[in-house]
N, C-alpha and C. Protein backbone atom coordinates (compact mmCIF):
# COMPACT_ATOMS: atom_id res chain seq x y z
N MET A 1 -66.84 -64.04 124.81
CA MET A 1 -67.19 -62.70 125.19
C MET A 1 -66.52 -61.73 124.21
N ASN A 2 -67.29 -60.80 123.70
CA ASN A 2 -66.76 -59.82 122.75
C ASN A 2 -66.86 -58.42 123.33
N SER A 3 -66.42 -57.44 122.56
CA SER A 3 -66.40 -56.07 123.07
C SER A 3 -67.80 -55.50 123.27
N ALA A 4 -68.76 -55.92 122.45
CA ALA A 4 -70.13 -55.43 122.61
C ALA A 4 -70.70 -55.88 123.95
N THR A 5 -70.45 -57.12 124.31
CA THR A 5 -70.94 -57.64 125.59
C THR A 5 -70.32 -56.87 126.74
N LEU A 6 -69.04 -56.58 126.64
CA LEU A 6 -68.37 -55.84 127.70
C LEU A 6 -68.91 -54.42 127.84
N LEU A 7 -69.13 -53.75 126.71
CA LEU A 7 -69.63 -52.38 126.77
C LEU A 7 -71.07 -52.30 127.27
N TRP A 8 -71.92 -53.20 126.81
CA TRP A 8 -73.30 -53.23 127.31
C TRP A 8 -73.32 -53.57 128.80
N GLY A 9 -72.47 -54.50 129.21
CA GLY A 9 -72.39 -54.83 130.63
C GLY A 9 -71.94 -53.65 131.47
N LEU A 10 -70.98 -52.88 130.96
CA LEU A 10 -70.52 -51.69 131.66
C LEU A 10 -71.63 -50.65 131.75
N LEU A 11 -72.36 -50.46 130.66
CA LEU A 11 -73.46 -49.49 130.66
C LEU A 11 -74.53 -49.86 131.68
N PHE A 12 -74.99 -51.12 131.64
CA PHE A 12 -76.05 -51.52 132.55
C PHE A 12 -75.58 -51.60 134.00
N SER A 13 -74.32 -51.92 134.22
CA SER A 13 -73.79 -51.91 135.57
C SER A 13 -73.71 -50.49 136.12
N SER A 14 -73.39 -49.53 135.27
CA SER A 14 -73.35 -48.13 135.69
C SER A 14 -74.75 -47.63 136.04
N ILE A 15 -75.72 -47.98 135.22
CA ILE A 15 -77.10 -47.61 135.52
C ILE A 15 -77.54 -48.28 136.82
N GLY A 16 -77.14 -49.53 137.01
CA GLY A 16 -77.47 -50.25 138.24
C GLY A 16 -76.87 -49.58 139.46
N MET A 17 -75.65 -49.05 139.34
CA MET A 17 -75.04 -48.33 140.45
C MET A 17 -75.86 -47.09 140.80
N GLY A 18 -76.34 -46.40 139.79
CA GLY A 18 -77.19 -45.23 140.03
C GLY A 18 -78.49 -45.61 140.72
N PHE A 19 -79.13 -46.69 140.26
CA PHE A 19 -80.36 -47.15 140.91
C PHE A 19 -80.09 -47.58 142.35
N PHE A 20 -78.96 -48.24 142.58
CA PHE A 20 -78.62 -48.71 143.91
C PHE A 20 -78.43 -47.53 144.87
N ILE A 21 -77.70 -46.51 144.43
CA ILE A 21 -77.47 -45.34 145.28
C ILE A 21 -78.78 -44.61 145.55
N TYR A 22 -79.61 -44.45 144.52
CA TYR A 22 -80.91 -43.80 144.69
C TYR A 22 -81.80 -44.59 145.65
N GLY A 23 -81.88 -45.90 145.46
CA GLY A 23 -82.72 -46.72 146.32
C GLY A 23 -82.25 -46.73 147.76
N LYS A 24 -80.94 -46.69 147.96
CA LYS A 24 -80.40 -46.69 149.31
C LYS A 24 -80.68 -45.35 150.01
N LYS A 25 -80.50 -44.24 149.30
CA LYS A 25 -80.73 -42.93 149.91
C LYS A 25 -82.21 -42.66 150.17
N GLN A 26 -83.07 -43.14 149.27
CA GLN A 26 -84.50 -42.90 149.42
C GLN A 26 -85.21 -44.01 150.18
N THR A 27 -84.48 -45.02 150.59
CA THR A 27 -85.02 -46.23 151.26
C THR A 27 -86.19 -46.82 150.49
N ARG A 28 -85.97 -47.02 149.19
CA ARG A 28 -86.97 -47.63 148.32
C ARG A 28 -86.43 -48.97 147.84
N ALA A 29 -87.24 -50.00 147.99
CA ALA A 29 -86.78 -51.36 147.73
C ALA A 29 -86.63 -51.68 146.24
N VAL A 30 -87.54 -51.22 145.41
CA VAL A 30 -87.53 -51.60 144.00
C VAL A 30 -86.27 -51.07 143.28
N PRO A 31 -85.92 -49.79 143.39
CA PRO A 31 -84.68 -49.35 142.73
C PRO A 31 -83.43 -49.99 143.33
N LEU A 32 -83.46 -50.26 144.63
CA LEU A 32 -82.31 -50.89 145.27
C LEU A 32 -82.07 -52.29 144.73
N VAL A 33 -83.13 -53.07 144.65
CA VAL A 33 -83.01 -54.45 144.15
C VAL A 33 -82.67 -54.46 142.67
N CYS A 34 -83.32 -53.60 141.89
CA CYS A 34 -83.01 -53.53 140.45
C CYS A 34 -81.57 -53.10 140.23
N GLY A 35 -81.07 -52.21 141.05
CA GLY A 35 -79.68 -51.79 140.94
C GLY A 35 -78.72 -52.92 141.20
N ILE A 36 -78.99 -53.71 142.23
CA ILE A 36 -78.13 -54.86 142.53
C ILE A 36 -78.16 -55.86 141.40
N VAL A 37 -79.35 -56.15 140.91
CA VAL A 37 -79.48 -57.13 139.82
C VAL A 37 -78.81 -56.62 138.55
N LEU A 38 -78.95 -55.32 138.25
CA LEU A 38 -78.30 -54.76 137.07
C LEU A 38 -76.79 -54.82 137.16
N MET A 39 -76.25 -54.71 138.36
CA MET A 39 -74.80 -54.78 138.51
C MET A 39 -74.26 -56.20 138.41
N VAL A 40 -75.09 -57.20 138.73
CA VAL A 40 -74.60 -58.58 138.82
C VAL A 40 -74.90 -59.40 137.57
N TYR A 41 -76.06 -59.19 136.95
CA TYR A 41 -76.49 -60.10 135.90
C TYR A 41 -75.59 -60.16 134.67
N PRO A 42 -74.84 -59.11 134.29
CA PRO A 42 -73.97 -59.25 133.10
C PRO A 42 -72.92 -60.35 133.21
N TYR A 43 -72.59 -60.74 134.43
CA TYR A 43 -71.62 -61.83 134.61
C TYR A 43 -72.18 -63.18 134.20
N PHE A 44 -73.50 -63.32 134.19
CA PHE A 44 -74.12 -64.61 133.97
C PHE A 44 -74.82 -64.76 132.63
N VAL A 45 -74.91 -63.69 131.84
CA VAL A 45 -75.60 -63.73 130.55
C VAL A 45 -74.56 -63.64 129.43
N PRO A 46 -74.37 -64.73 128.68
CA PRO A 46 -73.31 -64.72 127.65
C PRO A 46 -73.71 -64.07 126.34
N SER A 47 -74.98 -63.98 126.04
CA SER A 47 -75.44 -63.46 124.75
C SER A 47 -75.67 -61.95 124.83
N THR A 48 -75.20 -61.23 123.83
CA THR A 48 -75.36 -59.78 123.80
C THR A 48 -76.82 -59.38 123.68
N ILE A 49 -77.57 -60.09 122.87
CA ILE A 49 -78.99 -59.76 122.68
C ILE A 49 -79.75 -59.91 123.99
N TRP A 50 -79.54 -61.01 124.68
CA TRP A 50 -80.23 -61.21 125.97
C TRP A 50 -79.75 -60.22 127.01
N LEU A 51 -78.50 -59.83 126.94
CA LEU A 51 -77.96 -58.83 127.86
C LEU A 51 -78.70 -57.51 127.71
N VAL A 52 -78.93 -57.10 126.47
CA VAL A 52 -79.63 -55.85 126.21
C VAL A 52 -81.11 -55.96 126.59
N VAL A 53 -81.75 -57.06 126.23
CA VAL A 53 -83.18 -57.23 126.52
C VAL A 53 -83.42 -57.21 128.03
N ILE A 54 -82.66 -58.00 128.76
CA ILE A 54 -82.84 -58.06 130.21
C ILE A 54 -82.50 -56.71 130.84
N GLY A 55 -81.45 -56.05 130.35
CA GLY A 55 -81.07 -54.75 130.89
C GLY A 55 -82.13 -53.69 130.70
N VAL A 56 -82.74 -53.66 129.53
CA VAL A 56 -83.80 -52.67 129.27
C VAL A 56 -85.01 -52.95 130.16
N VAL A 57 -85.37 -54.20 130.31
CA VAL A 57 -86.50 -54.55 131.18
C VAL A 57 -86.22 -54.16 132.63
N LEU A 58 -85.02 -54.46 133.11
CA LEU A 58 -84.67 -54.12 134.49
C LEU A 58 -84.58 -52.62 134.70
N CYS A 59 -84.17 -51.88 133.69
CA CYS A 59 -84.14 -50.42 133.82
C CYS A 59 -85.55 -49.83 133.84
N ALA A 60 -86.49 -50.47 133.21
CA ALA A 60 -87.86 -49.96 133.15
C ALA A 60 -88.68 -50.32 134.39
N VAL A 61 -88.29 -51.36 135.09
CA VAL A 61 -89.08 -51.82 136.25
C VAL A 61 -89.29 -50.73 137.30
N PRO A 62 -88.26 -49.98 137.74
CA PRO A 62 -88.52 -48.97 138.77
C PRO A 62 -89.47 -47.87 138.35
N TYR A 63 -89.60 -47.61 137.06
CA TYR A 63 -90.52 -46.58 136.61
C TYR A 63 -91.98 -47.04 136.62
N PHE A 64 -92.20 -48.34 136.51
CA PHE A 64 -93.57 -48.84 136.46
C PHE A 64 -94.03 -49.48 137.75
N VAL A 65 -93.12 -49.93 138.59
CA VAL A 65 -93.48 -50.55 139.87
C VAL A 65 -93.16 -49.55 140.98
N ARG A 66 -94.19 -49.04 141.60
CA ARG A 66 -94.03 -48.07 142.68
C ARG A 66 -94.49 -48.71 143.99
N ILE A 67 -93.52 -49.14 144.77
CA ILE A 67 -93.85 -49.74 146.08
C ILE A 67 -93.22 -48.90 147.16
């Protein structure tokens, strides 16, 4: 684990916290679930490139999936 992985993980976890709070207050499932996943997945992804790719995809999901 290097500093880039830690910083990207911190960034995506912070965005996930925002999605989680928004989803909880608005009672919307997609931002809530994406927020939880964004907060947890950096612990399981060792590669920085995959961390960024998965994070960008998960951040984009609530904007395109409206349930």
